Amino acid sequence: MPPISAAPGAGAAAGRVEAMAPRLLILGAGLGLVPRIRAARAAGFHCIVADDLPVPHGFAVADATLRARPDDVAAL
């Protein structure tokens, strides 16, 4: 039986199972959230940050971003 992997061929040569980082959706990208986004990334989370601020400081340290109002559930 072939090894299980996160992507086709990932780790197959060594027979490893590779897990994806857990995803965390952070609502808000203000300057005050930058340390929390960094801490979440350091803890191993893939951080997706959503906000519609003119200057979303947290986007600079996020893994992925979404330009949307945090209270717009349909956009998220």
C-alpha atoms as a PDB file:
ATOM      1  CA  MET A   1       0.000   0.000   0.000  1.00  0.00           C
ATOM      2  CA  PRO A   2       1.445   3.439  -0.926  1.00  0.00           C
ATOM      3  CA  PRO A   3       2.161   5.917   1.887  1.00  0.00           C
ATOM      4  CA  ILE A   4      -0.399   8.597   2.724  1.00  0.00           C
ATOM      5  CA  SER A   5       0.777  12.153   2.065  1.00  0.00           C
ATOM      6  CA  ALA A   6      -0.558  15.702   2.101  1.00  0.00           C
ATOM      7  CA  ALA A   7       0.063  16.128  -1.623  1.00  0.00           C
ATOM      8  CA  PRO A   8       0.633  13.654  -4.446  1.00  0.00           C
ATOM      9  CA  GLY A   9       4.209  12.447  -4.147  1.00  0.00           C
ATOM     10  CA  ALA A  10       4.969  14.408  -0.967  1.00  0.00           C
ATOM     11  CA  GLY A  11       7.204  12.297   1.223  1.00  0.00           C
ATOM     12  CA  ALA A  12       6.525   9.189  -0.831  1.00  0.00           C
ATOM     13  CA  ALA A  13      10.203   8.460  -1.412  1.00  0.00           C
ATOM     14  CA  ALA A  14      10.896   8.195   2.304  1.00  0.00           C
ATOM     15  CA  GLY A  15       7.525   6.613   3.140  1.00  0.00           C
ATOM     16  CA  ARG A  16       6.618   9.500   5.450  1.00  0.00           C
ATOM     17  CA  VAL A  17       3.219  10.889   6.315  1.00  0.00           C
ATOM     18  CA  GLU A  18       3.267  14.682   6.168  1.00  0.00           C
ATOM     19  CA  ALA A  19       0.555  16.664   7.916  1.00  0.00           C
ATOM     20  CA  MET A  20      -0.593  20.123   6.955  1.00  0.00           C
ATOM     21  CA  ALA A  21      -0.476  22.897   9.537  1.00  0.00           C
ATOM     22  CA  PRO A  22      -3.829  23.597  11.183  1.00  0.00           C
ATOM     23  CA  ARG A  23      -5.501  26.685   9.723  1.00  0.00           C
ATOM     24  CA  LEU A  24      -6.543  29.619  11.887  1.00  0.00           C
ATOM     25  CA  LEU A  25      -8.822  32.411  10.647  1.00  0.00           C
ATOM     26  CA  ILE A  26      -8.022  35.667  12.435  1.00  0.00           C
ATOM     27  CA  LEU A  27     -10.667  38.373  12.149  1.00  0.00           C
ATOM     28  CA  GLY A  28      -8.911  41.725  12.185  1.00  0.00           C
ATOM     29  CA  ALA A  29      -5.509  42.921  11.010  1.00  0.00           C
ATOM     30  CA  GLY A  30      -4.914  45.976  13.162  1.00  0.00           C
ATOM     31  CA  LEU A  31      -1.518  46.801  14.600  1.00  0.00           C
ATOM     32  CA  GLY A  32      -2.531  45.335  17.968  1.00  0.00           C
ATOM     33  CA  LEU A  33      -3.061  41.891  16.437  1.00  0.00           C
ATOM     34  CA  VAL A  34       0.390  41.617  14.837  1.00  0.00           C
ATOM     35  CA  PRO A  35       1.982  40.004  17.954  1.00  0.00           C
ATOM     36  CA  ARG A  36      -0.881  37.505  18.176  1.00  0.00           C
ATOM     37  CA  ILE A  37      -0.580  36.579  14.499  1.00  0.00           C
ATOM     38  CA  ARG A  38       3.172  36.079  14.946  1.00  0.00           C
ATOM     39  CA  ALA A  39       2.571  33.941  18.041  1.00  0.00           C
ATOM     40  CA  ALA A  40       0.025  31.778  16.222  1.00  0.00           C
ATOM     41  CA  ARG A  41       2.441  31.237  13.319  1.00  0.00           C
ATOM     42  CA  ALA A  42       5.236  30.389  15.762  1.00  0.00           C
ATOM     43  CA  ALA A  43       2.900  27.824  17.344  1.00  0.00           C
ATOM     44  CA  GLY A  44       2.554  26.137  13.955  1.00  0.00           C
ATOM     45  CA  PHE A  45      -0.708  27.567  12.648  1.00  0.00           C
ATOM     46  CA  HIS A  46      -1.275  28.606   9.022  1.00  0.00           C
ATOM     47  CA  CYS A  47      -2.774  32.063   9.659  1.00  0.00           C
ATOM     48  CA  ILE A  48      -5.431  33.493   7.375  1.00  0.00           C
ATOM     49  CA  VAL A  49      -6.128  37.114   8.304  1.00  0.00           C
ATOM     50  CA  ALA A  50      -9.288  38.948   7.214  1.00  0.00           C
ATOM     51  CA  ASP A  51      -9.902  42.693   7.405  1.00  0.00           C
ATOM     52  CA  ASP A  52     -10.838  45.679   5.264  1.00  0.00           C
ATOM     53  CA  LEU A  53      -8.740  48.310   7.030  1.00  0.00           C
ATOM     54  CA  PRO A  54      -7.033  50.877   4.791  1.00  0.00           C
ATOM     55  CA  VAL A  55      -3.704  49.800   6.331  1.00  0.00           C
ATOM     56  CA  PRO A  56      -4.041  46.163   7.496  1.00  0.00           C
ATOM     57  CA  HIS A  57      -0.746  45.788   9.406  1.00  0.00           C
ATOM     58  CA  GLY A  58      -1.412  42.129  10.171  1.00  0.00           C
ATOM     59  CA  PHE A  59      -1.375  41.205   6.481  1.00  0.00           C
ATOM     60  CA  ALA A  60       2.418  41.627   6.462  1.00  0.00           C
ATOM     61  CA  VAL A  61       2.900  38.725   8.892  1.00  0.00           C
ATOM     62  CA  ALA A  62       0.023  36.463   7.747  1.00  0.00           C
ATOM     63  CA  ASP A  63       0.318  33.317   5.637  1.00  0.00           C
ATOM     64  CA  ALA A  64      -2.776  34.289   3.639  1.00  0.00           C
ATOM     65  CA  THR A  65      -5.025  37.344   3.570  1.00  0.00           C
ATOM     66  CA  LEU A  66      -8.618  38.150   2.771  1.00  0.00           C
ATOM     67  CA  ARG A  67      -9.782  41.702   2.106  1.00  0.00           C
ATOM     68  CA  ALA A  68     -13.220  41.582   3.754  1.00  0.00           C
ATOM     69  CA  ARG A  69     -15.031  43.020   6.742  1.00  0.00           C
ATOM     70  CA  PRO A  70     -14.624  40.678   9.723  1.00  0.00           C
ATOM     71  CA  ASP A  71     -18.388  40.824  10.332  1.00  0.00           C
ATOM     72  CA  ASP A  72     -19.267  39.920   6.704  1.00  0.00           C
ATOM     73  CA  VAL A  73     -19.900  36.202   7.173  1.00  0.00           C
ATOM     74  CA  ALA A  74     -20.803  35.652   3.506  1.00  0.00           C
ATOM     75  CA  ALA A  75     -17.413  37.006   2.366  1.00  0.00           C
ATOM     76  CA  LEU A  76     -15.517  34.829   4.798  1.00  0.00           C
END
